Full PDB file with SEQRES, HELIX, SHEET, SSBOND, CRYST1, ORIGX, SCALE, CONECT and MASTER records, all heavy atoms in Angstrom:
SEQRES   1 A   29  SER LEU ASP ASN ASP ILE LEU ALA SER ASN ARG VAL PRO          
SEQRES   2 A   29  ASP ASP GLN PHE ASN GLY ALA ASP LYS GLN GLN MET LEU          
SEQRES   3 A   29  GLU ILE VAL                                                  
HELIX    1 AA1 LEU A    2  SER A    9  1                                   8    
HELIX    2 AA2 LYS A   22  ILE A   28  1                                   7    
CRYST1    1.000    1.000    1.000  90.00  90.00  90.00 P 1           1          
ORIGX1      1.000000  0.000000  0.000000        0.00000                         
ORIGX2      0.000000  1.000000  0.000000        0.00000                         
ORIGX3      0.000000  0.000000  1.000000        0.00000                         
SCALE1      1.000000  0.000000  0.000000        0.00000                         
SCALE2      0.000000  1.000000  0.000000        0.00000                         
SCALE3      0.000000  0.000000  1.000000        0.00000                         
ATOM      1  N   SER A   1      22.132 -56.671  -0.626  1.00  0.00           N  
ATOM      2  CA  SER A   1      22.853 -55.576  -0.090  1.00  0.00           C  
ATOM      3  C   SER A   1      22.497 -54.292  -0.715  1.00  0.00           C  
ATOM      4  O   SER A   1      22.445 -53.221  -0.080  1.00  0.00           O  
ATOM      5  CB  SER A   1      24.342 -55.816  -0.292  1.00  0.00           C  
ATOM      6  OG  SER A   1      24.744 -55.728  -1.648  1.00  0.00           O  
ATOM      7  N   LEU A   2      22.111 -54.300  -1.959  1.00  0.00           N  
ATOM      8  CA  LEU A   2      21.665 -53.126  -2.682  1.00  0.00           C  
ATOM      9  C   LEU A   2      20.294 -52.702  -2.153  1.00  0.00           C  
ATOM     10  O   LEU A   2      20.044 -51.499  -1.946  1.00  0.00           O  
ATOM     11  CB  LEU A   2      21.608 -53.353  -4.173  1.00  0.00           C  
ATOM     12  CG  LEU A   2      21.120 -52.177  -5.027  1.00  0.00           C  
ATOM     13  CD1 LEU A   2      22.042 -51.027  -4.912  1.00  0.00           C  
ATOM     14  CD2 LEU A   2      21.052 -52.598  -6.508  1.00  0.00           C  
ATOM     15  N   ASP A   3      19.453 -53.700  -1.903  1.00  0.00           N  
ATOM     16  CA  ASP A   3      18.145 -53.343  -1.365  1.00  0.00           C  
ATOM     17  C   ASP A   3      18.280 -52.630  -0.004  1.00  0.00           C  
ATOM     18  O   ASP A   3      17.518 -51.682   0.278  1.00  0.00           O  
ATOM     19  CB  ASP A   3      17.335 -54.640  -1.205  1.00  0.00           C  
ATOM     20  CG  ASP A   3      16.852 -55.196  -2.543  1.00  0.00           C  
ATOM     21  OD1 ASP A   3      16.932 -54.468  -3.570  1.00  0.00           O  
ATOM     22  OD2 ASP A   3      16.417 -56.355  -2.526  1.00  0.00           O  
ATOM     23  N   ASN A   4      19.172 -53.111   0.800  1.00  0.00           N  
ATOM     24  CA  ASN A   4      19.344 -52.500   2.099  1.00  0.00           C  
ATOM     25  C   ASN A   4      19.779 -51.008   1.978  1.00  0.00           C  
ATOM     26  O   ASN A   4      19.364 -50.156   2.690  1.00  0.00           O  
ATOM     27  CB  ASN A   4      20.413 -53.269   2.891  1.00  0.00           C  
ATOM     28  CG  ASN A   4      19.887 -54.605   3.315  1.00  0.00           C  
ATOM     29  OD1 ASN A   4      18.640 -54.838   3.433  1.00  0.00           O  
ATOM     30  ND2 ASN A   4      20.780 -55.616   3.576  1.00  0.00           N  
ATOM     31  N   ASP A   5      20.706 -50.773   1.016  1.00  0.00           N  
ATOM     32  CA  ASP A   5      21.169 -49.432   0.791  1.00  0.00           C  
ATOM     33  C   ASP A   5      20.049 -48.507   0.314  1.00  0.00           C  
ATOM     34  O   ASP A   5      19.904 -47.319   0.681  1.00  0.00           O  
ATOM     35  CB  ASP A   5      22.301 -49.409  -0.234  1.00  0.00           C  
ATOM     36  CG  ASP A   5      23.593 -50.010   0.289  1.00  0.00           C  
ATOM     37  OD1 ASP A   5      23.737 -50.056   1.573  1.00  0.00           O  
ATOM     38  OD2 ASP A   5      24.409 -50.435  -0.530  1.00  0.00           O  
ATOM     39  N   ILE A   6      19.191 -49.042  -0.577  1.00  0.00           N  
ATOM     40  CA  ILE A   6      18.056 -48.254  -1.089  1.00  0.00           C  
ATOM     41  C   ILE A   6      17.081 -47.928   0.001  1.00  0.00           C  
ATOM     42  O   ILE A   6      16.549 -46.787   0.151  1.00  0.00           O  
ATOM     43  CB  ILE A   6      17.432 -48.996  -2.244  1.00  0.00           C  
ATOM     44  CG1 ILE A   6      18.323 -49.015  -3.482  1.00  0.00           C  
ATOM     45  CG2 ILE A   6      16.104 -48.366  -2.655  1.00  0.00           C  
ATOM     46  CD1 ILE A   6      17.806 -49.832  -4.639  1.00  0.00           C  
ATOM     47  N   LEU A   7      16.791 -48.940   0.811  1.00  0.00           N  
ATOM     48  CA  LEU A   7      15.853 -48.715   1.942  1.00  0.00           C  
ATOM     49  C   LEU A   7      16.435 -47.642   2.889  1.00  0.00           C  
ATOM     50  O   LEU A   7      15.690 -46.778   3.386  1.00  0.00           O  
ATOM     51  CB  LEU A   7      15.603 -49.986   2.761  1.00  0.00           C  
ATOM     52  CG  LEU A   7      14.659 -51.040   2.057  1.00  0.00           C  
ATOM     53  CD1 LEU A   7      14.596 -52.284   2.858  1.00  0.00           C  
ATOM     54  CD2 LEU A   7      13.235 -50.384   1.992  1.00  0.00           C  
ATOM     55  N   ALA A   8      17.729 -47.665   3.117  1.00  0.00           N  
ATOM     56  CA  ALA A   8      18.335 -46.805   4.097  1.00  0.00           C  
ATOM     57  C   ALA A   8      18.289 -45.323   3.536  1.00  0.00           C  
ATOM     58  O   ALA A   8      18.213 -44.374   4.318  1.00  0.00           O  
ATOM     59  CB  ALA A   8      19.768 -47.170   4.375  1.00  0.00           C  
ATOM     60  N   SER A   9      18.353 -45.206   2.208  1.00  0.00           N  
ATOM     61  CA  SER A   9      18.374 -43.824   1.642  1.00  0.00           C  
ATOM     62  C   SER A   9      17.001 -43.283   1.292  1.00  0.00           C  
ATOM     63  O   SER A   9      16.904 -42.102   0.958  1.00  0.00           O  
ATOM     64  CB  SER A   9      19.242 -43.877   0.369  1.00  0.00           C  
ATOM     65  OG  SER A   9      18.651 -44.690  -0.637  1.00  0.00           O  
ATOM     66  N   ASN A  10      15.962 -44.097   1.387  1.00  0.00           N  
ATOM     67  CA  ASN A  10      14.641 -43.647   0.995  1.00  0.00           C  
ATOM     68  C   ASN A  10      14.133 -42.673   2.115  1.00  0.00           C  
ATOM     69  O   ASN A  10      14.469 -42.788   3.246  1.00  0.00           O  
ATOM     70  CB  ASN A  10      13.641 -44.850   0.887  1.00  0.00           C  
ATOM     71  CG  ASN A  10      13.726 -45.458  -0.479  1.00  0.00           C  
ATOM     72  OD1 ASN A  10      14.326 -44.919  -1.375  1.00  0.00           O  
ATOM     73  ND2 ASN A  10      13.182 -46.680  -0.594  1.00  0.00           N  
ATOM     74  N   ARG A  11      13.211 -41.812   1.670  1.00  0.00           N  
ATOM     75  CA  ARG A  11      12.611 -40.909   2.635  1.00  0.00           C  
ATOM     76  C   ARG A  11      11.079 -40.806   2.338  1.00  0.00           C  
ATOM     77  O   ARG A  11      10.618 -41.144   1.254  1.00  0.00           O  
ATOM     78  CB  ARG A  11      13.242 -39.515   2.515  1.00  0.00           C  
ATOM     79  CG  ARG A  11      13.180 -38.954   1.078  1.00  0.00           C  
ATOM     80  CD  ARG A  11      14.045 -37.682   1.001  1.00  0.00           C  
ATOM     81  NE  ARG A  11      13.539 -36.626   1.799  1.00  0.00           N  
ATOM     82  CZ  ARG A  11      12.513 -35.796   1.361  1.00  0.00           C  
ATOM     83  NH1 ARG A  11      12.073 -35.899   0.143  1.00  0.00           N  
ATOM     84  NH2 ARG A  11      12.106 -34.841   2.163  1.00  0.00           N  
ATOM     85  N   VAL A  12      10.366 -40.225   3.295  1.00  0.00           N  
ATOM     86  CA  VAL A  12       8.971 -40.058   3.157  1.00  0.00           C  
ATOM     87  C   VAL A  12       8.688 -38.962   2.059  1.00  0.00           C  
ATOM     88  O   VAL A  12       9.387 -37.953   2.108  1.00  0.00           O  
ATOM     89  CB  VAL A  12       8.334 -39.636   4.512  1.00  0.00           C  
ATOM     90  CG1 VAL A  12       6.834 -39.321   4.295  1.00  0.00           C  
ATOM     91  CG2 VAL A  12       8.484 -40.732   5.501  1.00  0.00           C  
ATOM     92  N   PRO A  13       7.716 -39.147   1.194  1.00  0.00           N  
ATOM     93  CA  PRO A  13       7.445 -38.130   0.207  1.00  0.00           C  
ATOM     94  C   PRO A  13       7.019 -36.741   0.859  1.00  0.00           C  
ATOM     95  O   PRO A  13       6.508 -36.739   1.940  1.00  0.00           O  
ATOM     96  CB  PRO A  13       6.279 -38.680  -0.596  1.00  0.00           C  
ATOM     97  CG  PRO A  13       6.262 -40.142  -0.341  1.00  0.00           C  
ATOM     98  CD  PRO A  13       6.823 -40.304   1.073  1.00  0.00           C  
ATOM     99  N   ASP A  14       7.332 -35.694   0.146  1.00  0.00           N  
ATOM    100  CA  ASP A  14       6.933 -34.329   0.587  1.00  0.00           C  
ATOM    101  C   ASP A  14       5.399 -34.199   0.490  1.00  0.00           C  
ATOM    102  O   ASP A  14       4.775 -34.644  -0.451  1.00  0.00           O  
ATOM    103  CB  ASP A  14       7.596 -33.281  -0.211  1.00  0.00           C  
ATOM    104  CG  ASP A  14       9.113 -33.304  -0.017  1.00  0.00           C  
ATOM    105  OD1 ASP A  14       9.518 -33.610   1.141  1.00  0.00           O  
ATOM    106  OD2 ASP A  14       9.855 -32.967  -0.968  1.00  0.00           O  
ATOM    107  N   ASP A  15       4.809 -33.574   1.480  1.00  0.00           N  
ATOM    108  CA  ASP A  15       3.409 -33.201   1.494  1.00  0.00           C  
ATOM    109  C   ASP A  15       3.321 -31.797   0.941  1.00  0.00           C  
ATOM    110  O   ASP A  15       3.383 -30.779   1.690  1.00  0.00           O  
ATOM    111  CB  ASP A  15       2.855 -33.307   2.908  1.00  0.00           C  
ATOM    112  CG  ASP A  15       1.283 -33.115   2.865  1.00  0.00           C  
ATOM    113  OD1 ASP A  15       0.752 -32.980   1.824  1.00  0.00           O  
ATOM    114  OD2 ASP A  15       0.775 -32.980   4.027  1.00  0.00           O  
ATOM    115  N   GLN A  16       3.258 -31.621  -0.347  1.00  0.00           N  
ATOM    116  CA  GLN A  16       3.488 -30.300  -1.030  1.00  0.00           C  
ATOM    117  C   GLN A  16       2.328 -29.666  -1.602  1.00  0.00           C  
ATOM    118  O   GLN A  16       2.421 -28.700  -2.231  1.00  0.00           O  
ATOM    119  CB  GLN A  16       4.653 -30.406  -2.007  1.00  0.00           C  
ATOM    120  CG  GLN A  16       4.403 -31.445  -3.130  1.00  0.00           C  
ATOM    121  CD  GLN A  16       5.559 -31.594  -4.029  1.00  0.00           C  
ATOM    122  OE1 GLN A  16       6.447 -30.740  -4.095  1.00  0.00           O  
ATOM    123  NE2 GLN A  16       5.556 -32.705  -4.793  1.00  0.00           N  
ATOM    124  N   PHE A  17       1.142 -30.234  -1.478  1.00  0.00           N  
ATOM    125  CA  PHE A  17      -0.046 -29.664  -2.049  1.00  0.00           C  
ATOM    126  C   PHE A  17      -0.653 -28.609  -1.089  1.00  0.00           C  
ATOM    127  O   PHE A  17      -0.826 -28.873   0.072  1.00  0.00           O  
ATOM    128  CB  PHE A  17      -1.115 -30.761  -2.343  1.00  0.00           C  
ATOM    129  CG  PHE A  17      -2.313 -30.274  -3.122  1.00  0.00           C  
ATOM    130  CD1 PHE A  17      -2.263 -30.289  -4.515  1.00  0.00           C  
ATOM    131  CD2 PHE A  17      -3.385 -29.799  -2.511  1.00  0.00           C  
ATOM    132  CE1 PHE A  17      -3.340 -29.913  -5.293  1.00  0.00           C  
ATOM    133  CE2 PHE A  17      -4.527 -29.382  -3.280  1.00  0.00           C  
ATOM    134  CZ  PHE A  17      -4.471 -29.370  -4.641  1.00  0.00           C  
ATOM    135  N   ASN A  18      -1.021 -27.427  -1.648  1.00  0.00           N  
ATOM    136  CA  ASN A  18      -1.544 -26.363  -0.823  1.00  0.00           C  
ATOM    137  C   ASN A  18      -2.839 -25.766  -1.372  1.00  0.00           C  
ATOM    138  O   ASN A  18      -3.238 -24.634  -1.058  1.00  0.00           O  
ATOM    139  CB  ASN A  18      -0.490 -25.199  -0.725  1.00  0.00           C  
ATOM    140  CG  ASN A  18       0.760 -25.616   0.041  1.00  0.00           C  
ATOM    141  OD1 ASN A  18       0.644 -26.193   1.149  1.00  0.00           O  
ATOM    142  ND2 ASN A  18       1.920 -25.348  -0.543  1.00  0.00           N  
ATOM    143  N   GLY A  19      -3.531 -26.559  -2.263  1.00  0.00           N  
ATOM    144  CA  GLY A  19      -4.733 -26.061  -2.809  1.00  0.00           C  
ATOM    145  C   GLY A  19      -5.892 -26.001  -1.826  1.00  0.00           C  
ATOM    146  O   GLY A  19      -5.853 -26.623  -0.740  1.00  0.00           O  
ATOM    147  N   ALA A  20      -6.927 -25.319  -2.166  1.00  0.00           N  
ATOM    148  CA  ALA A  20      -8.107 -25.131  -1.264  1.00  0.00           C  
ATOM    149  C   ALA A  20      -8.800 -26.465  -0.964  1.00  0.00           C  
ATOM    150  O   ALA A  20      -9.505 -26.628   0.092  1.00  0.00           O  
ATOM    151  CB  ALA A  20      -9.093 -24.134  -1.887  1.00  0.00           C  
ATOM    152  N   ASP A  21      -8.687 -27.428  -1.852  1.00  0.00           N  
ATOM    153  CA  ASP A  21      -9.397 -28.690  -1.683  1.00  0.00           C  
ATOM    154  C   ASP A  21      -8.505 -29.776  -1.071  1.00  0.00           C  
ATOM    155  O   ASP A  21      -8.802 -30.971  -1.151  1.00  0.00           O  
ATOM    156  CB  ASP A  21      -9.991 -29.190  -3.047  1.00  0.00           C  
ATOM    157  CG  ASP A  21      -8.958 -29.212  -4.118  1.00  0.00           C  
ATOM    158  OD1 ASP A  21      -7.803 -28.673  -3.901  1.00  0.00           O  
ATOM    159  OD2 ASP A  21      -9.227 -29.628  -5.230  1.00  0.00           O  
ATOM    160  N   LYS A  22      -7.425 -29.423  -0.415  1.00  0.00           N  
ATOM    161  CA  LYS A  22      -6.478 -30.377   0.125  1.00  0.00           C  
ATOM    162  C   LYS A  22      -7.149 -31.253   1.183  1.00  0.00           C  
ATOM    163  O   LYS A  22      -6.967 -32.482   1.173  1.00  0.00           O  
ATOM    164  CB  LYS A  22      -5.249 -29.616   0.726  1.00  0.00           C  
ATOM    165  CG  LYS A  22      -4.251 -30.650   1.299  1.00  0.00           C  
ATOM    166  CD  LYS A  22      -3.009 -29.989   1.827  1.00  0.00           C  
ATOM    167  CE  LYS A  22      -2.026 -30.961   2.460  1.00  0.00           C  
ATOM    168  NZ  LYS A  22      -0.803 -30.373   2.857  1.00  0.00           N  
ATOM    169  N   GLN A  23      -7.911 -30.640   2.051  1.00  0.00           N  
ATOM    170  CA  GLN A  23      -8.600 -31.414   3.077  1.00  0.00           C  
ATOM    171  C   GLN A  23      -9.549 -32.478   2.525  1.00  0.00           C  
ATOM    172  O   GLN A  23      -9.546 -33.560   3.003  1.00  0.00           O  
ATOM    173  CB  GLN A  23      -9.294 -30.553   4.109  1.00  0.00           C  
ATOM    174  CG  GLN A  23      -9.822 -31.236   5.350  1.00  0.00           C  
ATOM    175  CD  GLN A  23      -8.706 -31.912   6.074  1.00  0.00           C  
ATOM    176  OE1 GLN A  23      -7.603 -31.391   6.226  1.00  0.00           O  
ATOM    177  NE2 GLN A  23      -8.952 -33.163   6.605  1.00  0.00           N  
ATOM    178  N   GLN A  24     -10.255 -32.110   1.539  1.00  0.00           N  
ATOM    179  CA  GLN A  24     -11.148 -33.016   0.843  1.00  0.00           C  
ATOM    180  C   GLN A  24     -10.420 -34.145   0.242  1.00  0.00           C  
ATOM    181  O   GLN A  24     -10.759 -35.320   0.327  1.00  0.00           O  
ATOM    182  CB  GLN A  24     -11.999 -32.305  -0.185  1.00  0.00           C  
ATOM    183  CG  GLN A  24     -13.016 -33.213  -0.859  1.00  0.00           C  
ATOM    184  CD  GLN A  24     -13.767 -32.430  -1.964  1.00  0.00           C  
ATOM    185  OE1 GLN A  24     -13.424 -31.260  -2.232  1.00  0.00           O  
ATOM    186  NE2 GLN A  24     -14.771 -33.066  -2.565  1.00  0.00           N  
ATOM    187  N   MET A  25      -9.256 -33.843  -0.363  1.00  0.00           N  
ATOM    188  CA  MET A  25      -8.396 -34.939  -0.983  1.00  0.00           C  
ATOM    189  C   MET A  25      -7.850 -35.874   0.062  1.00  0.00           C  
ATOM    190  O   MET A  25      -7.850 -37.073  -0.123  1.00  0.00           O  
ATOM    191  CB  MET A  25      -7.240 -34.183  -1.753  1.00  0.00           C  
ATOM    192  CG  MET A  25      -7.753 -33.401  -2.928  1.00  0.00           C  
ATOM    193  SD  MET A  25      -6.428 -32.323  -3.618  1.00  0.00           S  
ATOM    194  CE  MET A  25      -5.341 -33.548  -4.309  1.00  0.00           C  
ATOM    195  N   LEU A  26      -7.446 -35.305   1.217  1.00  0.00           N  
ATOM    196  CA  LEU A  26      -6.895 -36.160   2.238  1.00  0.00           C  
ATOM    197  C   LEU A  26      -7.950 -37.094   2.747  1.00  0.00           C  
ATOM    198  O   LEU A  26      -7.732 -38.295   3.162  1.00  0.00           O  
ATOM    199  CB  LEU A  26      -6.331 -35.338   3.399  1.00  0.00           C  
ATOM    200  CG  LEU A  26      -4.962 -34.641   3.148  1.00  0.00           C  
ATOM    201  CD1 LEU A  26      -4.620 -33.688   4.251  1.00  0.00           C  
ATOM    202  CD2 LEU A  26      -3.899 -35.687   2.947  1.00  0.00           C  
ATOM    203  N   GLU A  27      -9.160 -36.594   2.923  1.00  0.00           N  
ATOM    204  CA  GLU A  27     -10.290 -37.459   3.366  1.00  0.00           C  
ATOM    205  C   GLU A  27     -10.596 -38.574   2.446  1.00  0.00           C  
ATOM    206  O   GLU A  27     -10.836 -39.748   2.843  1.00  0.00           O  
ATOM    207  CB  GLU A  27     -11.573 -36.614   3.594  1.00  0.00           C  
ATOM    208  CG  GLU A  27     -11.443 -35.617   4.749  1.00  0.00           C  
ATOM    209  CD  GLU A  27     -12.604 -34.709   4.866  1.00  0.00           C  
ATOM    210  OE1 GLU A  27     -13.529 -34.771   4.018  1.00  0.00           O  
ATOM    211  OE2 GLU A  27     -12.643 -33.847   5.771  1.00  0.00           O  
ATOM    212  N   ILE A  28     -10.499 -38.278   1.102  1.00  0.00           N  
ATOM    213  CA  ILE A  28     -10.675 -39.359   0.123  1.00  0.00           C  
ATOM    214  C   ILE A  28      -9.560 -40.358   0.205  1.00  0.00           C  
ATOM    215  O   ILE A  28      -9.781 -41.587   0.102  1.00  0.00           O  
ATOM    216  CB  ILE A  28     -10.723 -38.747  -1.286  1.00  0.00           C  
ATOM    217  CG1 ILE A  28     -12.006 -37.872  -1.422  1.00  0.00           C  
ATOM    218  CG2 ILE A  28     -10.722 -39.792  -2.335  1.00  0.00           C  
ATOM    219  CD1 ILE A  28     -12.061 -37.085  -2.743  1.00  0.00           C  
ATOM    220  N   VAL A  29      -8.294 -39.901   0.339  1.00  0.00           N  
ATOM    221  CA  VAL A  29      -7.167 -40.826   0.458  1.00  0.00           C  
ATOM    222  C   VAL A  29      -7.380 -41.774   1.653  1.00  0.00           C  
ATOM    223  O   VAL A  29      -7.181 -42.974   1.567  1.00  0.00           O  
ATOM    224  CB  VAL A  29      -5.853 -39.993   0.617  1.00  0.00           C  
ATOM    225  CG1 VAL A  29      -4.701 -40.962   1.045  1.00  0.00           C  
ATOM    226  CG2 VAL A  29      -5.490 -39.346  -0.693  1.00  0.00           C  
TER     227      VAL A  29                                                      
MASTER        0    0    0    2    0    0    0    6  226    1    0    3          
END                                                                             
C-alpha cells in the first residue's frame, strides 16, 4: 500500500539544464 502511494505521488524529473552543450548531452543519453 505504501508503494502504491509513492508511485502515485512520483513525478517526471525536471529538464532543467540550459547549457550550450545540452543537445550533445541529450544525444549521448
